[in-house]
Every structure is written in structure tokens, then in C-alpha cells.
Protein backbone atom coordinates (compact mmCIF):
# COMPACT_ATOMS: atom_id res chain seq x y z
CA MET A 1 -4.27 -72.90 38.21
CA THR A 2 -1.87 -74.64 40.23
CA GLU A 3 -1.21 -73.17 43.78
CA ALA A 4 1.85 -71.11 43.49
CA THR A 5 4.19 -72.07 46.50
CA ALA A 6 7.42 -70.34 45.59
CA LEU A 7 8.82 -67.11 44.56
CA LEU A 8 11.85 -65.73 42.58
CA LEU A 9 12.43 -61.94 43.22
CA SER A 10 15.09 -59.77 41.48
CA MET A 11 15.79 -56.07 42.45
CA ARG A 12 18.20 -53.80 40.49
CA THR A 13 18.79 -50.44 39.17
CA PRO A 14 20.05 -50.33 35.73
CA ASP A 15 22.72 -47.90 35.14
CA GLY A 16 24.20 -46.55 32.04
CA ILE A 17 21.25 -47.37 29.72
CA SER A 18 18.13 -45.61 28.75
CA ASP A 19 14.67 -46.51 30.31
CA ALA A 20 13.66 -47.23 26.98
CA GLU A 21 16.07 -50.24 26.30
CA PHE A 22 15.59 -51.36 29.83
CA ASP A 23 11.52 -51.58 29.30
CA ALA A 24 12.32 -53.39 25.97
CA TRP A 25 14.58 -55.82 27.49
CA ILE A 26 12.09 -56.45 30.17
CA HIS A 27 9.25 -56.91 28.15
CA ASP A 28 10.50 -58.04 24.63
CA GLU A 29 12.89 -60.90 25.91
CA HIS A 30 13.08 -61.44 29.52
CA PHE A 31 9.32 -61.69 30.78
CA PRO A 32 8.55 -63.62 27.53
CA GLU A 33 11.42 -66.24 28.32
CA ARG A 34 10.39 -66.74 31.75
CA ILE A 35 6.60 -67.09 31.33
CA ARG A 36 7.29 -69.81 28.84
CA ILE A 37 8.78 -72.26 31.36
CA SER A 38 6.56 -74.65 32.63
CA GLY A 39 5.60 -73.77 36.30
CA PHE A 40 6.22 -69.79 36.05
CA GLN A 41 2.74 -68.33 36.86
CA THR A 42 3.44 -64.67 36.84
CA THR A 43 5.88 -61.94 35.74
CA LEU A 44 5.25 -58.97 37.72
CA ARG A 45 7.47 -55.58 37.41
CA TYR A 46 7.38 -52.88 40.14
CA GLU A 47 9.12 -49.59 40.34
CA ASN A 48 10.63 -47.66 43.30
CA LYS A 49 9.62 -44.09 43.04
CA THR A 50 11.71 -42.81 46.08
CA GLY A 51 15.05 -45.00 46.28
CA THR A 52 17.17 -47.94 45.27
CA PRO A 53 16.83 -50.41 43.81
CA GLN A 54 14.83 -48.97 40.97
CA SER A 55 13.42 -51.99 39.68
CA LEU A 56 11.65 -54.97 41.30
CA CYS A 57 10.23 -58.09 39.41
CA LEU A 58 8.29 -60.83 41.10
CA TYR A 59 7.73 -64.21 39.65
CA ASP A 60 5.26 -66.82 41.19
CA VAL A 61 6.11 -70.24 40.36
CA ASP A 62 4.58 -73.90 41.29
CA ASP A 63 7.31 -74.93 43.59
CA ILE A 64 10.84 -74.41 44.00
CA SER A 65 11.72 -77.33 41.63
CA VAL A 66 10.79 -74.97 38.83
CA LEU A 67 14.02 -72.98 39.46
CA ARG A 68 16.08 -76.07 39.51
CA GLY A 69 14.86 -77.63 36.41
CA PRO A 70 16.30 -77.80 32.92
CA GLU A 71 13.88 -75.31 31.17
CA TYR A 72 14.87 -72.64 33.64
CA ALA A 73 18.47 -73.75 33.57
CA ALA A 74 18.40 -73.18 29.71
CA VAL A 75 17.86 -69.35 30.07
CA SER A 76 19.64 -68.59 33.31
CA GLY A 77 23.07 -68.62 34.47
CA ALA A 78 25.78 -69.69 31.86
CA ASN A 79 22.77 -69.60 29.48
CA LEU A 80 21.82 -66.02 29.80
CA SER A 81 21.17 -64.20 26.54
CA PRO A 82 23.95 -61.53 25.22
CA TRP A 83 21.46 -58.95 26.05
CA SER A 84 20.61 -60.36 29.52
CA ARG A 85 24.27 -60.29 30.10
CA ARG A 86 24.51 -56.75 29.16
CA MET A 87 21.60 -55.81 31.76
CA ASN A 88 23.46 -57.50 34.44
CA ALA A 89 26.70 -55.88 33.62
CA VAL A 90 25.07 -52.45 33.82
CA SER A 91 23.02 -52.89 36.95
CA SER A 92 23.85 -51.99 40.38
CA ALA A 93 22.16 -52.86 43.67
CA HIS A 94 21.29 -56.17 42.26
CA TRP A 95 19.82 -58.67 44.56
CA ARG A 96 18.29 -62.23 43.66
CA PHE A 97 16.31 -64.26 46.04
CA THR A 98 14.70 -67.65 45.55
CA GLY A 99 12.37 -69.26 48.38
CA ILE A 100 9.20 -71.08 49.23
CA ARG A 101 6.03 -69.77 51.07
CA SER A 102 6.51 -70.02 54.75
CA PRO A 103 3.76 -71.94 56.40
CA GLU A 104 3.32 -69.19 58.91
CA SER A 105 2.46 -66.75 55.74
CA PRO A 106 -0.39 -64.70 57.12
CA ASP A 107 -2.35 -65.20 53.81
CA GLU A 108 -3.08 -67.92 51.33
CA PRO A 109 -0.42 -69.11 48.75
CA ILE A 110 -2.22 -67.93 45.28
CA ALA A 111 -0.09 -66.00 43.01
CA GLY A 112 0.31 -62.33 43.21
CA SER A 113 -1.15 -59.75 40.50
CA HIS A 114 -1.32 -56.10 39.77
CA GLU A 115 -5.11 -56.37 40.00
CA ASN A 116 -6.30 -53.88 42.45
CA VAL A 117 -2.66 -53.34 43.76
CA VAL A 118 -1.50 -49.75 43.88
CA GLN A 119 1.65 -50.15 46.05
CA ILE A 120 3.56 -53.09 47.34
CA LEU A 121 5.84 -53.11 50.43
CA MET A 122 8.94 -55.53 50.09
CA VAL A 123 10.45 -56.27 53.43
CA ARG A 124 13.70 -58.31 53.90
CA TRP A 125 15.82 -60.23 56.51
CA GLN A 126 19.05 -61.28 55.38
CA GLY A 127 21.30 -63.90 56.94
CA VAL A 128 19.19 -65.53 59.61
CA SER A 129 20.49 -68.30 61.37
CA GLU A 130 17.97 -70.40 61.67
CA ARG A 131 14.20 -70.76 60.76
CA ARG A 132 11.94 -68.47 62.67
CA ASP A 133 9.04 -68.31 60.34
CA ARG A 134 6.52 -67.61 62.96
CA ALA A 135 8.50 -64.40 64.40
CA HIS A 136 8.67 -62.93 61.14
CA ALA A 137 5.01 -63.55 60.04
CA ALA A 138 4.00 -62.14 63.46
CA VAL A 139 6.17 -58.84 63.22
CA VAL A 140 4.84 -58.09 59.65
CA GLN A 141 1.29 -58.84 60.41
CA SER A 142 1.69 -56.36 63.81
CA ALA A 143 3.41 -53.61 61.86
CA VAL A 144 0.74 -53.39 58.99
CA GLU A 145 -2.62 -54.76 60.48
CA ASP A 146 -3.78 -51.34 61.17
CA VAL A 147 -2.53 -49.81 57.86
CA PRO A 148 -5.39 -48.73 55.30
CA GLY A 149 -5.43 -50.43 52.22
CA VAL A 150 -3.34 -53.55 53.05
CA ASP A 151 -5.21 -56.48 51.40
CA ARG A 152 -2.60 -59.43 51.55
CA ILE A 153 0.79 -60.34 53.16
CA ARG A 154 2.82 -62.90 51.83
CA LEU A 155 6.05 -64.42 53.50
CA PHE A 156 8.77 -66.40 51.84
CA VAL A 157 11.89 -68.01 53.12
CA GLY A 158 15.09 -69.11 51.15
CA GLU A 159 18.20 -70.69 51.97
CA ASN A 160 21.31 -68.54 51.34
CA GLY A 161 24.17 -70.88 52.07
CA VAL A 162 24.89 -69.91 55.51
CA GLY A 163 21.38 -69.77 56.85
CA PHE A 164 18.11 -68.17 55.67
CA ASP A 165 16.64 -64.90 53.98
CA TYR A 166 13.42 -63.84 54.54
CA VAL A 167 10.94 -61.91 52.39
CA ALA A 168 7.68 -60.38 52.96
CA VAL A 169 5.42 -58.93 50.18
CA VAL A 170 2.66 -56.52 51.41
CA GLU A 171 0.02 -55.67 48.95
CA SER A 172 -1.95 -52.44 49.09
CA SER A 173 -4.87 -51.12 47.36
CA ILE A 174 -4.18 -47.49 48.40
CA ALA A 175 -0.59 -45.56 48.66
CA LEU A 176 1.27 -46.61 52.02
CA PRO A 177 2.10 -44.25 54.52
CA VAL A 178 5.77 -43.10 54.46
CA ASP A 179 6.58 -44.50 57.78
CA VAL A 180 5.81 -48.01 56.88
CA THR A 181 9.28 -48.06 55.33
CA SER A 182 10.78 -47.48 58.57
CA ALA A 183 12.71 -51.00 58.62
CA GLY A 184 13.23 -50.92 62.41
CA ARG A 185 9.35 -51.70 62.70
CA PHE A 186 10.13 -55.11 61.29
CA ASP A 187 12.85 -56.01 63.74
CA THR A 188 12.19 -58.89 65.52
CA ASP A 189 13.71 -60.13 68.72
CA SER A 190 16.39 -62.01 66.97
CA ASP A 191 16.64 -60.63 63.39
CA LYS A 192 17.10 -57.10 62.06
CA CYS A 193 15.34 -55.97 59.01
CA ASP A 194 17.62 -54.64 56.57
CA PHE A 195 15.38 -53.46 53.94
CA ALA A 196 11.59 -51.94 53.73
CA GLN A 197 10.52 -50.07 50.73
CA THR A 198 7.62 -49.26 48.74
CA PHE A 199 7.24 -50.04 45.04
CA VAL A 200 4.32 -49.48 42.46
CA PRO A 201 3.20 -51.85 39.69
CA VAL A 202 4.46 -51.08 36.25
CA ALA A 203 1.92 -52.33 33.44
CA SER A 204 3.02 -54.31 30.51
CA PRO A 205 2.88 -52.24 27.25
CA ASN A 206 0.55 -54.92 25.76
CA SER A 207 -1.98 -54.74 28.86
């Protein structure tokens, strides 16, 4: 398998629809559409048990050009299906990120998976004025290096039009302690962490 060097992330809370419809959209339309695109390696879903947003989806892709290519354009943006448009219309707390693996990422750029993962921690810094990969990698490493169960840390950076957003994905083989979601523990000297929450994997109905 080609090394995955980029990430697409989407968080949302589906409002005003049943869990059954949201599940059906994810597993019957949305994920199958994405995994058919050349360069998409994973379609992984997680659920927030303690807060919002409720749903987190991660997509490992070969490289960032996949998300700028014609196959992805054919099922995104102006070309979203009616069902996908409906899901966007009834979702709150919706946030989307695209980025590349930071060269300072503590762990290797292999694709993520649900295998042996009991919980993940997603950490975010928005509106960073300039690239400070080393500082963000170091603060995550320091914050979780002694936490039992942590198996892998991946760090990604993406442009947001006025600067950069950073996302760290921390995978654990056991449930993480509650205090790991204190956003302040991930503040760097220059950048304030604005999001740190845990999610549990949601298995595909066909797995």
C-alpha cells in the first residue's frame, strides 16, 4: 500500500434526524463514495460519548493532491448528492480539515485503522500564524507520553486561508483518562489549543 501522507477530517453533530438515517448515509453512500476514489486508503468513523461534535470521520489519503483531483471533485462541493446535502443542512458543529502529515509527527505516516484502537484523542489548534510543527509535536508528545495505552501519535498541518490549522490524532489501546481532554495541557508557548476530546471507533455494519 502507498504511504498515506495526508488526512481529511470531518466532525459534525447530526440534528433533527434519526441515528438510523445518519448511520445509513455514512455506510450506504458516503463511505462507499469515498473509498472508490483513487488514493483514499481509509474511511474511519468515531463517536463522541461525552460531548460535541458527536461524529468524527477520518480519511487517510495518499497525498493532498487526491483531495484536489477530479475524482474527489465529482462527489464533493457543488457535486454533493442530495442525501449528502441534506446531512450537511441538518448538521451542527461541522468542521472540516485537510492537511499533510507534519515532518515532525512523532510516529510513522502509515494509515490509521480501528485495529486494537479502543479510543482516540483529537487535538486541534486553529489559526496558527506560521508553521510551528516542532512546537506542536513536542507538546503532544509531552502531554501523552506517560499516559497508559497510547500507541501512536500523528500530527497534521493544513492551510486555512489566513494561516495554518494543526490536528493531532492520538490512538490508544485502552480508555484514556478524563484529564487528557484538558485543552490547556496542549497549549504551546505561541498557540492555544481550542479542542481536545476523545472518540471511540464505530464499526462498519459489514465488519
